[in-house]
Amino acid sequence: MMAQYSAIYEVQETINQMTQAAYVELQRATAVLNTEQSDEDRDAEDRAQRIAMSGMDMARSTESVEATNSRLSGKHDLSKLTPAQIDRLELGFQQAITDDRRLHRLYVYLEWLYGRLAK
């Protein structure tokens, strides 16, 4: 029984680590889409976010936060990307798909482990 719990814990830990690594890699690959202004006044941005958040109710908080982040992040203009940036973006998406498939296999294995534990 303890060996089964240990195996489950190890798989869950592996999934957590792989998920974090995949997230970081995807963020690096999509960094070319960052259109935020580097000279933006951080205080003005913080005020705009606080104002947007002060009027939202908890039921719509995720939508409101996403809308605020989108507005503060600027408009993505893919036509301004260089061929190298497009290649980097494409490779990042391909890697994310591969990572997702690996994680899916681990989730299936984890489900099997939990199934064995229930027997």
PDB file of N, CA and C in Angstrom:
ATOM      1  N   MET A   1       0.819  -1.189   0.000  1.00  0.00           N
ATOM      2  CA  MET A   1       0.000   0.000   0.000  1.00  0.00           C
ATOM      3  C   MET A   1       0.873   1.268   0.000  1.00  0.00           C
ATOM      4  N   MET A   2       1.887   1.290   0.836  1.00  0.00           N
ATOM      5  CA  MET A   2       2.778   2.457   0.889  1.00  0.00           C
ATOM      6  C   MET A   2       3.514   2.644  -0.438  1.00  0.00           C
ATOM      7  N   ALA A   3       3.872   1.545  -1.085  1.00  0.00           N
ATOM      8  CA  ALA A   3       4.551   1.631  -2.385  1.00  0.00           C
ATOM      9  C   ALA A   3       3.634   2.273  -3.418  1.00  0.00           C
ATOM     10  N   GLN A   4       2.336   1.969  -3.348  1.00  0.00           N
ATOM     11  CA  GLN A   4       1.384   2.568  -4.289  1.00  0.00           C
ATOM     12  C   GLN A   4       1.269   4.070  -4.051  1.00  0.00           C
ATOM     13  N   TYR A   5       1.169   4.469  -2.794  1.00  0.00           N
ATOM     14  CA  TYR A   5       1.120   5.904  -2.482  1.00  0.00           C
ATOM     15  C   TYR A   5       2.400   6.603  -2.930  1.00  0.00           C
ATOM     16  N   SER A   6       3.513   5.960  -2.743  1.00  0.00           N
ATOM     17  CA  SER A   6       4.796   6.526  -3.155  1.00  0.00           C
ATOM     18  C   SER A   6       4.844   6.721  -4.665  1.00  0.00           C
ATOM     19  N   ALA A   7       4.372   5.723  -5.408  1.00  0.00           N
ATOM     20  CA  ALA A   7       4.358   5.826  -6.877  1.00  0.00           C
ATOM     21  C   ALA A   7       3.457   6.969  -7.325  1.00  0.00           C
ATOM     22  N   ILE A   8       2.291   7.093  -6.692  1.00  0.00           N
ATOM     23  CA  ILE A   8       1.362   8.174  -7.035  1.00  0.00           C
ATOM     24  C   ILE A   8       2.008   9.530  -6.752  1.00  0.00           C
ATOM     25  N   TYR A   9       2.628   9.651  -5.598  1.00  0.00           N
ATOM     26  CA  TYR A   9       3.274  10.906  -5.233  1.00  0.00           C
ATOM     27  C   TYR A   9       4.373  11.264  -6.241  1.00  0.00           C
ATOM     28  N   GLU A  10       5.178  10.288  -6.618  1.00  0.00           N
ATOM     29  CA  GLU A  10       6.263  10.543  -7.573  1.00  0.00           C
ATOM     30  C   GLU A  10       5.721  10.993  -8.924  1.00  0.00           C
ATOM     31  N   VAL A  11       4.661  10.346  -9.397  1.00  0.00           N
ATOM     32  CA  VAL A  11       4.080  10.732 -10.686  1.00  0.00           C
ATOM     33  C   VAL A  11       3.488  12.133 -10.588  1.00  0.00           C
ATOM     34  N   GLN A  12       2.794  12.430  -9.497  1.00  0.00           N
ATOM     35  CA  GLN A  12       2.235  13.772  -9.332  1.00  0.00           C
ATOM     36  C   GLN A  12       3.338  14.828  -9.274  1.00  0.00           C
ATOM     37  N   GLU A  13       4.415  14.517  -8.598  1.00  0.00           N
ATOM     38  CA  GLU A  13       5.541  15.454  -8.525  1.00  0.00           C
ATOM     39  C   GLU A  13       6.160  15.665  -9.907  1.00  0.00           C
ATOM     40  N   THR A  14       6.300  14.594 -10.670  1.00  0.00           N
ATOM     41  CA  THR A  14       6.834  14.692 -12.033  1.00  0.00           C
ATOM     42  C   THR A  14       5.919  15.555 -12.896  1.00  0.00           C
ATOM     43  N   ILE A  15       4.615  15.341 -12.780  1.00  0.00           N
ATOM     44  CA  ILE A  15       3.650  16.138 -13.540  1.00  0.00           C
ATOM     45  C   ILE A  15       3.783  17.609 -13.166  1.00  0.00           C
ATOM     46  N   ASN A  16       3.874  17.908 -11.876  1.00  0.00           N
ATOM     47  CA  ASN A  16       4.025  19.300 -11.438  1.00  0.00           C
ATOM     48  C   ASN A  16       5.275  19.944 -12.021  1.00  0.00           C
ATOM     49  N   GLN A  17       6.394  19.230 -11.970  1.00  0.00           N
ATOM     50  CA  GLN A  17       7.647  19.769 -12.493  1.00  0.00           C
ATOM     51  C   GLN A  17       7.582  19.968 -14.002  1.00  0.00           C
ATOM     52  N   MET A  18       7.030  18.976 -14.708  1.00  0.00           N
ATOM     53  CA  MET A  18       6.937  19.084 -16.167  1.00  0.00           C
ATOM     54  C   MET A  18       5.990  20.205 -16.580  1.00  0.00           C
ATOM     55  N   THR A  19       4.902  20.367 -15.837  1.00  0.00           N
ATOM     56  CA  THR A  19       3.948  21.431 -16.144  1.00  0.00           C
ATOM     57  C   THR A  19       4.605  22.790 -15.973  1.00  0.00           C
ATOM     58  N   GLN A  20       5.333  22.968 -14.877  1.00  0.00           N
ATOM     59  CA  GLN A  20       6.023  24.237 -14.637  1.00  0.00           C
ATOM     60  C   GLN A  20       7.055  24.516 -15.726  1.00  0.00           C
ATOM     61  N   ALA A  21       7.839  23.512 -16.091  1.00  0.00           N
ATOM     62  CA  ALA A  21       8.850  23.688 -17.135  1.00  0.00           C
ATOM     63  C   ALA A  21       8.201  24.012 -18.483  1.00  0.00           C
ATOM     64  N   ALA A  22       7.108  23.335 -18.799  1.00  0.00           N
ATOM     65  CA  ALA A  22       6.410  23.590 -20.067  1.00  0.00           C
ATOM     66  C   ALA A  22       5.857  25.008 -20.093  1.00  0.00           C
ATOM     67  N   TYR A  23       5.332  25.455 -18.961  1.00  0.00           N
ATOM     68  CA  TYR A  23       4.803  26.814 -18.876  1.00  0.00           C
ATOM     69  C   TYR A  23       5.899  27.853 -19.108  1.00  0.00           C
ATOM     70  N   VAL A  24       7.025  27.647 -18.457  1.00  0.00           N
ATOM     71  CA  VAL A  24       8.149  28.589 -18.601  1.00  0.00           C
ATOM     72  C   VAL A  24       8.621  28.632 -20.057  1.00  0.00           C
ATOM     73  N   GLU A  25       8.748  27.475 -20.687  1.00  0.00           N
ATOM     74  CA  GLU A  25       9.194  27.423 -22.075  1.00  0.00           C
ATOM     75  C   GLU A  25       8.200  28.103 -23.011  1.00  0.00           C
ATOM     76  N   LEU A  26       6.920  27.888 -22.769  1.00  0.00           N
ATOM     77  CA  LEU A  26       5.907  28.533 -23.613  1.00  0.00           C
ATOM     78  C   LEU A  26       5.936  30.046 -23.425  1.00  0.00           C
ATOM     79  N   GLN A  27       6.155  30.499 -22.194  1.00  0.00           N
ATOM     80  CA  GLN A  27       6.260  31.935 -21.948  1.00  0.00           C
ATOM     81  C   GLN A  27       7.467  32.535 -22.669  1.00  0.00           C
ATOM     82  N   ARG A  28       8.568  31.804 -22.688  1.00  0.00           N
ATOM     83  CA  ARG A  28       9.753  32.282 -23.419  1.00  0.00           C
ATOM     84  C   ARG A  28       9.464  32.375 -24.911  1.00  0.00           C
ATOM     85  N   ALA A  29       8.812  31.355 -25.435  1.00  0.00           N
ATOM     86  CA  ALA A  29       8.531  31.329 -26.877  1.00  0.00           C
ATOM     87  C   ALA A  29       7.560  32.427 -27.281  1.00  0.00           C
ATOM     88  N   THR A  30       6.598  32.724 -26.419  1.00  0.00           N
ATOM     89  CA  THR A  30       5.592  33.727 -26.776  1.00  0.00           C
ATOM     90  C   THR A  30       5.978  35.134 -26.328  1.00  0.00           C
ATOM     91  N   ALA A  31       7.163  35.281 -25.777  1.00  0.00           N
ATOM     92  CA  ALA A  31       7.606  36.608 -25.339  1.00  0.00           C
ATOM     93  C   ALA A  31       7.654  37.603 -26.495  1.00  0.00           C
ATOM     94  N   VAL A  32       7.808  37.109 -27.720  1.00  0.00           N
ATOM     95  CA  VAL A  32       7.836  38.016 -28.874  1.00  0.00           C
ATOM     96  C   VAL A  32       6.496  38.709 -29.062  1.00  0.00           C
ATOM     97  N   LEU A  33       5.450  38.180 -28.446  1.00  0.00           N
ATOM     98  CA  LEU A  33       4.132  38.800 -28.552  1.00  0.00           C
ATOM     99  C   LEU A  33       3.923  39.912 -27.538  1.00  0.00           C
ATOM    100  N   ASN A  34       4.880  40.095 -26.640  1.00  0.00           N
ATOM    101  CA  ASN A  34       4.762  41.115 -25.618  1.00  0.00           C
ATOM    102  C   ASN A  34       4.833  42.494 -26.266  1.00  0.00           C
ATOM    103  N   THR A  35       3.724  43.194 -26.203  1.00  0.00           N
ATOM    104  CA  THR A  35       3.673  44.520 -26.824  1.00  0.00           C
ATOM    105  C   THR A  35       3.546  45.629 -25.798  1.00  0.00           C
ATOM    106  N   GLU A  36       3.731  45.279 -24.533  1.00  0.00           N
ATOM    107  CA  GLU A  36       3.631  46.314 -23.513  1.00  0.00           C
ATOM    108  C   GLU A  36       4.726  47.350 -23.730  1.00  0.00           C
ATOM    109  N   GLN A  37       4.381  48.581 -23.444  1.00  0.00           N
ATOM    110  CA  GLN A  37       5.324  49.676 -23.629  1.00  0.00           C
ATOM    111  C   GLN A  37       6.364  49.648 -22.515  1.00  0.00           C
ATOM    112  N   SER A  38       7.639  49.673 -22.886  1.00  0.00           N
ATOM    113  CA  SER A  38       8.685  49.636 -21.865  1.00  0.00           C
ATOM    114  C   SER A  38       8.765  50.946 -21.087  1.00  0.00           C
ATOM    115  N   ASP A  39       8.291  52.042 -21.675  1.00  0.00           N
ATOM    116  CA  ASP A  39       8.353  53.321 -20.985  1.00  0.00           C
ATOM    117  C   ASP A  39       7.027  53.671 -20.305  1.00  0.00           C
ATOM    118  N   GLU A  40       6.144  52.698 -20.224  1.00  0.00           N
ATOM    119  CA  GLU A  40       4.844  52.903 -19.579  1.00  0.00           C
ATOM    120  C   GLU A  40       5.052  53.280 -18.119  1.00  0.00           C
ATOM    121  N   ASP A  41       4.277  54.213 -17.660  1.00  0.00           N
ATOM    122  CA  ASP A  41       4.338  54.637 -16.267  1.00  0.00           C
ATOM    123  C   ASP A  41       3.698  53.555 -15.412  1.00  0.00           C
ATOM    124  N   ARG A  42       4.505  52.856 -14.603  1.00  0.00           N
ATOM    125  CA  ARG A  42       4.020  51.729 -13.795  1.00  0.00           C
ATOM    126  C   ARG A  42       2.943  52.179 -12.824  1.00  0.00           C
ATOM    127  N   ASP A  43       3.079  53.385 -12.255  1.00  0.00           N
ATOM    128  CA  ASP A  43       2.065  53.876 -11.311  1.00  0.00           C
ATOM    129  C   ASP A  43       0.729  54.075 -12.022  1.00  0.00           C
ATOM    130  N   ALA A  44       0.757  54.618 -13.233  1.00  0.00           N
ATOM    131  CA  ALA A  44      -0.482  54.821 -13.991  1.00  0.00           C
ATOM    132  C   ALA A  44      -1.114  53.476 -14.351  1.00  0.00           C
ATOM    133  N   GLU A  45      -0.284  52.522 -14.697  1.00  0.00           N
ATOM    134  CA  GLU A  45      -0.787  51.178 -15.009  1.00  0.00           C
ATOM    135  C   GLU A  45      -1.421  50.537 -13.777  1.00  0.00           C
ATOM    136  N   ASP A  46      -0.762  50.660 -12.637  1.00  0.00           N
ATOM    137  CA  ASP A  46      -1.303  50.106 -11.390  1.00  0.00           C
ATOM    138  C   ASP A  46      -2.632  50.768 -11.024  1.00  0.00           C
ATOM    139  N   ARG A  47      -2.720  52.093 -11.203  1.00  0.00           N
ATOM    140  CA  ARG A  47      -3.970  52.801 -10.912  1.00  0.00           C
ATOM    141  C   ARG A  47      -5.092  52.298 -11.821  1.00  0.00           C
ATOM    142  N   ALA A  48      -4.793  52.126 -13.105  1.00  0.00           N
ATOM    143  CA  ALA A  48      -5.804  51.649 -14.053  1.00  0.00           C
ATOM    144  C   ALA A  48      -6.286  50.256 -13.674  1.00  0.00           C
ATOM    145  N   GLN A  49      -5.365  49.418 -13.234  1.00  0.00           N
ATOM    146  CA  GLN A  49      -5.755  48.067 -12.825  1.00  0.00           C
ATOM    147  C   GLN A  49      -6.604  48.104 -11.559  1.00  0.00           C
ATOM    148  N   ARG A  50      -6.220  48.929 -10.594  1.00  0.00           N
ATOM    149  CA  ARG A  50      -7.002  49.019  -9.349  1.00  0.00           C
ATOM    150  C   ARG A  50      -8.412  49.544  -9.628  1.00  0.00           C
ATOM    151  N   ILE A  51      -8.524  50.533 -10.508  1.00  0.00           N
ATOM    152  CA  ILE A  51      -9.836  51.085 -10.855  1.00  0.00           C
ATOM    153  C   ILE A  51     -10.698  50.010 -11.505  1.00  0.00           C
ATOM    154  N   ALA A  52     -10.108  49.264 -12.434  1.00  0.00           N
ATOM    155  CA  ALA A  52     -10.857  48.201 -13.109  1.00  0.00           C
ATOM    156  C   ALA A  52     -11.285  47.126 -12.123  1.00  0.00           C
ATOM    157  N   MET A  53     -10.410  46.793 -11.180  1.00  0.00           N
ATOM    158  CA  MET A  53     -10.721  45.731 -10.228  1.00  0.00           C
ATOM    159  C   MET A  53     -11.704  46.196  -9.160  1.00  0.00           C
ATOM    160  N   SER A  54     -11.729  47.483  -8.852  1.00  0.00           N
ATOM    161  CA  SER A  54     -12.609  47.962  -7.780  1.00  0.00           C
ATOM    162  C   SER A  54     -14.080  47.829  -8.156  1.00  0.00           C
ATOM    163  N   GLY A  55     -14.390  47.875  -9.437  1.00  0.00           N
ATOM    164  CA  GLY A  55     -15.783  47.798  -9.857  1.00  0.00           C
ATOM    165  C   GLY A  55     -16.261  46.412 -10.215  1.00  0.00           C
ATOM    166  N   MET A  56     -15.413  45.404 -10.093  1.00  0.00           N
ATOM    167  CA  MET A  56     -15.843  44.072 -10.510  1.00  0.00           C
ATOM    168  C   MET A  56     -16.400  43.284  -9.337  1.00  0.00           C
ATOM    169  N   ASP A  57     -17.375  42.430  -9.652  1.00  0.00           N
ATOM    170  CA  ASP A  57     -17.886  41.552  -8.601  1.00  0.00           C
ATOM    171  C   ASP A  57     -17.138  40.234  -8.672  1.00  0.00           C
ATOM    172  N   MET A  58     -17.207  39.459  -7.612  1.00  0.00           N
ATOM    173  CA  MET A  58     -16.427  38.227  -7.526  1.00  0.00           C
ATOM    174  C   MET A  58     -16.852  37.200  -8.567  1.00  0.00           C
ATOM    175  N   ALA A  59     -18.111  37.218  -8.975  1.00  0.00           N
ATOM    176  CA  ALA A  59     -18.592  36.238  -9.948  1.00  0.00           C
ATOM    177  C   ALA A  59     -17.942  36.437 -11.309  1.00  0.00           C
ATOM    178  N   ARG A  60     -17.559  37.650 -11.624  1.00  0.00           N
ATOM    179  CA  ARG A  60     -16.965  37.932 -12.926  1.00  0.00           C
ATOM    180  C   ARG A  60     -15.508  38.315 -12.812  1.00  0.00           C
ATOM    181  N   SER A  61     -14.864  37.993 -11.719  1.00  0.00           N
ATOM    182  CA  SER A  61     -13.505  38.464 -11.483  1.00  0.00           C
ATOM    183  C   SER A  61     -12.519  37.975 -12.536  1.00  0.00           C
ATOM    184  N   THR A  62     -12.597  36.720 -12.950  1.00  0.00           N
ATOM    185  CA  THR A  62     -11.658  36.194 -13.939  1.00  0.00           C
ATOM    186  C   THR A  62     -11.806  36.933 -15.264  1.00  0.00           C
ATOM    187  N   GLU A  63     -13.034  37.122 -15.691  1.00  0.00           N
ATOM    188  CA  GLU A  63     -13.278  37.846 -16.944  1.00  0.00           C
ATOM    189  C   GLU A  63     -12.775  39.278 -16.856  1.00  0.00           C
ATOM    190  N   SER A  64     -13.033  39.931 -15.733  1.00  0.00           N
ATOM    191  CA  SER A  64     -12.609  41.315 -15.560  1.00  0.00           C
ATOM    192  C   SER A  64     -11.099  41.447 -15.531  1.00  0.00           C
ATOM    193  N   VAL A  65     -10.435  40.529 -14.837  1.00  0.00           N
ATOM    194  CA  VAL A  65      -8.973  40.565 -14.777  1.00  0.00           C
ATOM    195  C   VAL A  65      -8.396  40.338 -16.169  1.00  0.00           C
ATOM    196  N   GLU A  66      -8.931  39.366 -16.903  1.00  0.00           N
ATOM    197  CA  GLU A  66      -8.452  39.104 -18.271  1.00  0.00           C
ATOM    198  C   GLU A  66      -8.652  40.326 -19.164  1.00  0.00           C
ATOM    199  N   ALA A  67      -9.798  40.964 -19.057  1.00  0.00           N
ATOM    200  CA  ALA A  67     -10.070  42.155 -19.868  1.00  0.00           C
ATOM    201  C   ALA A  67      -9.101  43.276 -19.528  1.00  0.00           C
ATOM    202  N   THR A  68      -8.847  43.460 -18.246  1.00  0.00           N
ATOM    203  CA  THR A  68      -7.907  44.499 -17.815  1.00  0.00           C
ATOM    204  C   THR A  68      -6.498  44.191 -18.300  1.00  0.00           C
ATOM    205  N   ASN A  69      -6.062  42.937 -18.130  1.00  0.00           N
ATOM    206  CA  ASN A  69      -4.731  42.554 -18.599  1.00  0.00           C
ATOM    207  C   ASN A  69      -4.598  42.757 -20.097  1.00  0.00           C
ATOM    208  N   SER A  70      -5.621  42.395 -20.833  1.00  0.00           N
ATOM    209  CA  SER A  70      -5.595  42.562 -22.287  1.00  0.00           C
ATOM    210  C   SER A  70      -5.471  44.038 -22.664  1.00  0.00           C
ATOM    211  N   ARG A  71      -6.264  44.871 -21.991  1.00  0.00           N
ATOM    212  CA  ARG A  71      -6.231  46.307 -22.295  1.00  0.00           C
ATOM    213  C   ARG A  71      -4.874  46.916 -21.952  1.00  0.00           C
ATOM    214  N   LEU A  72      -4.302  46.503 -20.824  1.00  0.00           N
ATOM    215  CA  LEU A  72      -3.025  47.069 -20.396  1.00  0.00           C
ATOM    216  C   LEU A  72      -1.839  46.510 -21.180  1.00  0.00           C
ATOM    217  N   SER A  73      -2.012  45.354 -21.806  1.00  0.00           N
ATOM    218  CA  SER A  73      -0.911  44.728 -22.535  1.00  0.00           C
ATOM    219  C   SER A  73      -0.748  45.250 -23.951  1.00  0.00           C
ATOM    220  N   GLY A  74      -1.696  45.977 -24.441  1.00  0.00           N
ATOM    221  CA  GLY A  74      -1.584  46.507 -25.786  1.00  0.00           C
ATOM    222  C   GLY A  74      -2.133  45.546 -26.820  1.00  0.00           C
ATOM    223  N   LYS A  75      -1.996  45.960 -28.064  1.00  0.00           N
ATOM    224  CA  LYS A  75      -2.549  45.183 -29.173  1.00  0.00           C
ATOM    225  C   LYS A  75      -1.416  44.409 -29.840  1.00  0.00           C
ATOM    226  N   HIS A  76      -1.626  43.100 -30.019  1.00  0.00           N
ATOM    227  CA  HIS A  76      -0.620  42.273 -30.677  1.00  0.00           C
ATOM    228  C   HIS A  76      -0.677  42.519 -32.187  1.00  0.00           C
ATOM    229  N   ASP A  77       0.461  42.827 -32.773  1.00  0.00           N
ATOM    230  CA  ASP A  77       0.544  43.036 -34.217  1.00  0.00           C
ATOM    231  C   ASP A  77       1.516  42.012 -34.777  1.00  0.00           C
ATOM    232  N   LEU A  78       0.968  40.876 -35.220  1.00  0.00           N
ATOM    233  CA  LEU A  78       1.806  39.794 -35.711  1.00  0.00           C
ATOM    234  C   LEU A  78       2.552  40.168 -36.989  1.00  0.00           C
ATOM    235  N   SER A  79       2.073  41.153 -37.702  1.00  0.00           N
ATOM    236  CA  SER A  79       2.738  41.542 -38.949  1.00  0.00           C
ATOM    237  C   SER A  79       4.103  42.182 -38.688  1.00  0.00           C
ATOM    238  N   LYS A  80       4.363  42.589 -37.464  1.00  0.00           N
ATOM    239  CA  LYS A  80       5.641  43.216 -37.135  1.00  0.00           C
ATOM    240  C   LYS A  80       6.712  42.209 -36.709  1.00  0.00           C
ATOM    241  N   LEU A  81       6.343  40.924 -36.620  1.00  0.00           N
ATOM    242  CA  LEU A  81       7.318  39.913 -36.217  1.00  0.00           C
ATOM    243  C   LEU A  81       8.301  39.625 -37.345  1.00  0.00           C
ATOM    244  N   THR A  82       9.545  39.408 -36.974  1.00  0.00           N
ATOM    245  CA  THR A  82      10.565  39.039 -37.950  1.00  0.00           C
ATOM    246  C   THR A  82      10.433  37.541 -38.252  1.00  0.00           C
ATOM    247  N   PRO A  83      11.019  37.076 -39.359  1.00  0.00           N
ATOM    248  CA  PRO A  83      10.986  35.633 -39.632  1.00  0.00           C
ATOM    249  C   PRO A  83      11.581  34.798 -38.487  1.00  0.00           C
ATOM    250  N   ALA A  84      12.627  35.298 -37.856  1.00  0.00           N
ATOM    251  CA  ALA A  84      13.227  34.569 -36.736  1.00  0.00           C
ATOM    252  C   ALA A  84      12.260  34.489 -35.552  1.00  0.00           C
ATOM    253  N   GLN A  85      11.530  35.565 -35.294  1.00  0.00           N
ATOM    254  CA  GLN A  85      10.556  35.556 -34.204  1.00  0.00           C
ATOM    255  C   GLN A  85       9.400  34.595 -34.509  1.00  0.00           C
ATOM    256  N   ILE A  86       8.973  34.566 -35.749  1.00  0.00           N
ATOM    257  CA  ILE A  86       7.908  33.643 -36.150  1.00  0.00           C
ATOM    258  C   ILE A  86       8.380  32.204 -35.980  1.00  0.00           C
ATOM    259  N   ASP A  87       9.619  31.932 -36.389  1.00  0.00           N
ATOM    260  CA  ASP A  87      10.170  30.587 -36.217  1.00  0.00           C
ATOM    261  C   ASP A  87      10.215  30.208 -34.741  1.00  0.00           C
ATOM    262  N   ARG A  88      10.651  31.133 -33.911  1.00  0.00           N
ATOM    263  CA  ARG A  88      10.730  30.883 -32.468  1.00  0.00           C
ATOM    264  C   ARG A  88       9.342  30.601 -31.897  1.00  0.00           C
ATOM    265  N   LEU A  89       8.364  31.367 -32.341  1.00  0.00           N
ATOM    266  CA  LEU A  89       6.992  31.184 -31.896  1.00  0.00           C
ATOM    267  C   LEU A  89       6.451  29.823 -32.327  1.00  0.00           C
ATOM    268  N   GLU A  90       6.702  29.464 -33.580  1.00  0.00           N
ATOM    269  CA  GLU A  90       6.244  28.172 -34.095  1.00  0.00           C
ATOM    270  C   GLU A  90       6.897  27.016 -33.342  1.00  0.00           C
ATOM    271  N   LEU A  91       8.198  27.101 -33.120  1.00  0.00           N
ATOM    272  CA  LEU A  91       8.888  26.048 -32.364  1.00  0.00           C
ATOM    273  C   LEU A  91       8.343  25.937 -30.941  1.00  0.00           C
ATOM    274  N   GLY A  92       8.044  27.076 -30.353  1.00  0.00           N
ATOM    275  CA  GLY A  92       7.477  27.074 -29.007  1.00  0.00           C
ATOM    276  C   GLY A  92       6.130  26.378 -28.960  1.00  0.00           C
ATOM    277  N   PHE A  93       5.287  26.635 -29.969  1.00  0.00           N
ATOM    278  CA  PHE A  93       3.988  25.975 -30.010  1.00  0.00           C
ATOM    279  C   PHE A  93       4.140  24.477 -30.264  1.00  0.00           C
ATOM    280  N   GLN A  94       5.070  24.102 -31.127  1.00  0.00           N
ATOM    281  CA  GLN A  94       5.311  22.681 -31.377  1.00  0.00           C
ATOM    282  C   GLN A  94       5.799  21.990 -30.116  1.00  0.00           C
ATOM    283  N   GLN A  95       6.682  22.642 -29.371  1.00  0.00           N
ATOM    284  CA  GLN A  95       7.170  22.070 -28.124  1.00  0.00           C
ATOM    285  C   GLN A  95       6.040  21.958 -27.117  1.00  0.00           C
ATOM    286  N   ALA A  96       5.166  22.960 -27.066  1.00  0.00           N
ATOM    287  CA  ALA A  96       4.032  22.925 -26.134  1.00  0.00           C
ATOM    288  C   ALA A  96       3.107  21.749 -26.451  1.00  0.00           C
ATOM    289  N   ILE A  97       2.898  21.475 -27.731  1.00  0.00           N
ATOM    290  CA  ILE A  97       2.072  20.338 -28.126  1.00  0.00           C
ATOM    291  C   ILE A  97       2.724  19.033 -27.683  1.00  0.00           C
ATOM    292  N   THR A  98       4.028  18.921 -27.885  1.00  0.00           N
ATOM    293  CA  THR A  98       4.762  17.727 -27.456  1.00  0.00           C
ATOM    294  C   THR A  98       4.695  17.569 -25.940  1.00  0.00           C
ATOM    295  N   ASP A  99       4.906  18.660 -25.213  1.00  0.00           N
ATOM    296  CA  ASP A  99       4.831  18.620 -23.754  1.00  0.00           C
ATOM    297  C   ASP A  99       3.438  18.202 -23.294  1.00  0.00           C
ATOM    298  N   ASP A 100       2.420  18.720 -23.973  1.00  0.00           N
ATOM    299  CA  ASP A 100       1.047  18.371 -23.614  1.00  0.00           C
ATOM    300  C   ASP A 100       0.798  16.875 -23.798  1.00  0.00           C
ATOM    301  N   ARG A 101       1.313  16.307 -24.868  1.00  0.00           N
ATOM    302  CA  ARG A 101       1.144  14.869 -25.098  1.00  0.00           C
ATOM    303  C   ARG A 101       1.843  14.050 -24.019  1.00  0.00           C
ATOM    304  N   ARG A 102       3.046  14.464 -23.636  1.00  0.00           N
ATOM    305  CA  ARG A 102       3.765  13.756 -22.570  1.00  0.00           C
ATOM    306  C   ARG A 102       3.000  13.833 -21.255  1.00  0.00           C
ATOM    307  N   LEU A 103       2.505  15.028 -20.945  1.00  0.00           N
ATOM    308  CA  LEU A 103       1.741  15.202 -19.714  1.00  0.00           C
ATOM    309  C   LEU A 103       0.461  14.364 -19.742  1.00  0.00           C
ATOM    310  N   HIS A 104      -0.174  14.297 -20.897  1.00  0.00           N
ATOM    311  CA  HIS A 104      -1.387  13.493 -21.012  1.00  0.00           C
ATOM    312  C   HIS A 104      -1.096  12.029 -20.691  1.00  0.00           C
ATOM    313  N   ARG A 105       0.023  11.508 -21.217  1.00  0.00           N
ATOM    314  CA  ARG A 105       0.386  10.118 -20.925  1.00  0.00           C
ATOM    315  C   ARG A 105       0.610   9.918 -19.427  1.00  0.00           C
ATOM    316  N   LEU A 106       1.212  10.901 -18.779  1.00  0.00           N
ATOM    317  CA  LEU A 106       1.405  10.796 -17.329  1.00  0.00           C
ATOM    318  C   LEU A 106       0.073  10.838 -16.580  1.00  0.00           C
ATOM    319  N   TYR A 107      -0.847  11.658 -17.057  1.00  0.00           N
ATOM    320  CA  TYR A 107      -2.177  11.701 -16.433  1.00  0.00           C
ATOM    321  C   TYR A 107      -2.885  10.358 -16.568  1.00  0.00           C
ATOM    322  N   VAL A 108      -2.762   9.724 -17.727  1.00  0.00           N
ATOM    323  CA  VAL A 108      -3.362   8.401 -17.930  1.00  0.00           C
ATOM    324  C   VAL A 108      -2.723   7.395 -16.977  1.00  0.00           C
ATOM    325  N   TYR A 109      -1.409   7.459 -16.853  1.00  0.00           N
ATOM    326  CA  TYR A 109      -0.704   6.557 -15.930  1.00  0.00           C
ATOM    327  C   TYR A 109      -1.145   6.815 -14.492  1.00  0.00           C
ATOM    328  N   LEU A 110      -1.291   8.086 -14.122  1.00  0.00           N
ATOM    329  CA  LEU A 110      -1.724   8.436 -12.772  1.00  0.00           C
ATOM    330  C   LEU A 110      -3.142   7.903 -12.518  1.00  0.00           C
ATOM    331  N   GLU A 111      -4.000   8.027 -13.508  1.00  0.00           N
ATOM    332  CA  GLU A 111      -5.355   7.490 -13.371  1.00  0.00           C
ATOM    333  C   GLU A 111      -5.310   5.977 -13.131  1.00  0.00           C
ATOM    334  N   TRP A 112      -4.428   5.302 -13.856  1.00  0.00           N
ATOM    335  CA  TRP A 112      -4.275   3.856 -13.683  1.00  0.00           C
ATOM    336  C   TRP A 112      -3.791   3.530 -12.275  1.00  0.00           C
ATOM    337  N   LEU A 113      -2.837   4.317 -11.773  1.00  0.00           N
ATOM    338  CA  LEU A 113      -2.337   4.098 -10.417  1.00  0.00           C
ATOM    339  C   LEU A 113      -3.447   4.285  -9.372  1.00  0.00           C
ATOM    340  N   TYR A 114      -4.244   5.326  -9.546  1.00  0.00           N
ATOM    341  CA  TYR A 114      -5.353   5.541  -8.612  1.00  0.00           C
ATOM    342  C   TYR A 114      -6.367   4.388  -8.707  1.00  0.00           C
ATOM    343  N   GLY A 115      -6.585   3.896  -9.923  1.00  0.00           N
ATOM    344  CA  GLY A 115      -7.488   2.760 -10.112  1.00  0.00           C
ATOM    345  C   GLY A 115      -7.018   1.529  -9.373  1.00  0.00           C
ATOM    346  N   ARG A 116      -5.719   1.280  -9.426  1.00  0.00           N
ATOM    347  CA  ARG A 116      -5.144   0.119  -8.711  1.00  0.00           C
ATOM    348  C   ARG A 116      -5.276   0.294  -7.201  1.00  0.00           C
ATOM    349  N   LEU A 117      -5.158   1.532  -6.746  1.00  0.00           N
ATOM    350  CA  LEU A 117      -5.262   1.808  -5.319  1.00  0.00           C
ATOM    351  C   LEU A 117      -6.687   1.540  -4.819  1.00  0.00           C
ATOM    352  N   ALA A 118      -7.660   1.803  -5.668  1.00  0.00           N
ATOM    353  CA  ALA A 118      -9.060   1.627  -5.275  1.00  0.00           C
ATOM    354  C   ALA A 118      -9.472   0.162  -5.204  1.00  0.00           C
ATOM    355  N   LYS A 119      -8.701  -0.722  -5.809  1.00  0.00           N
ATOM    356  CA  LYS A 119      -9.070  -2.142  -5.830  1.00  0.00           C
ATOM    357  C   LYS A 119      -8.804  -2.836  -4.524  1.00  0.00           C
TER     358      LYS A 119
END
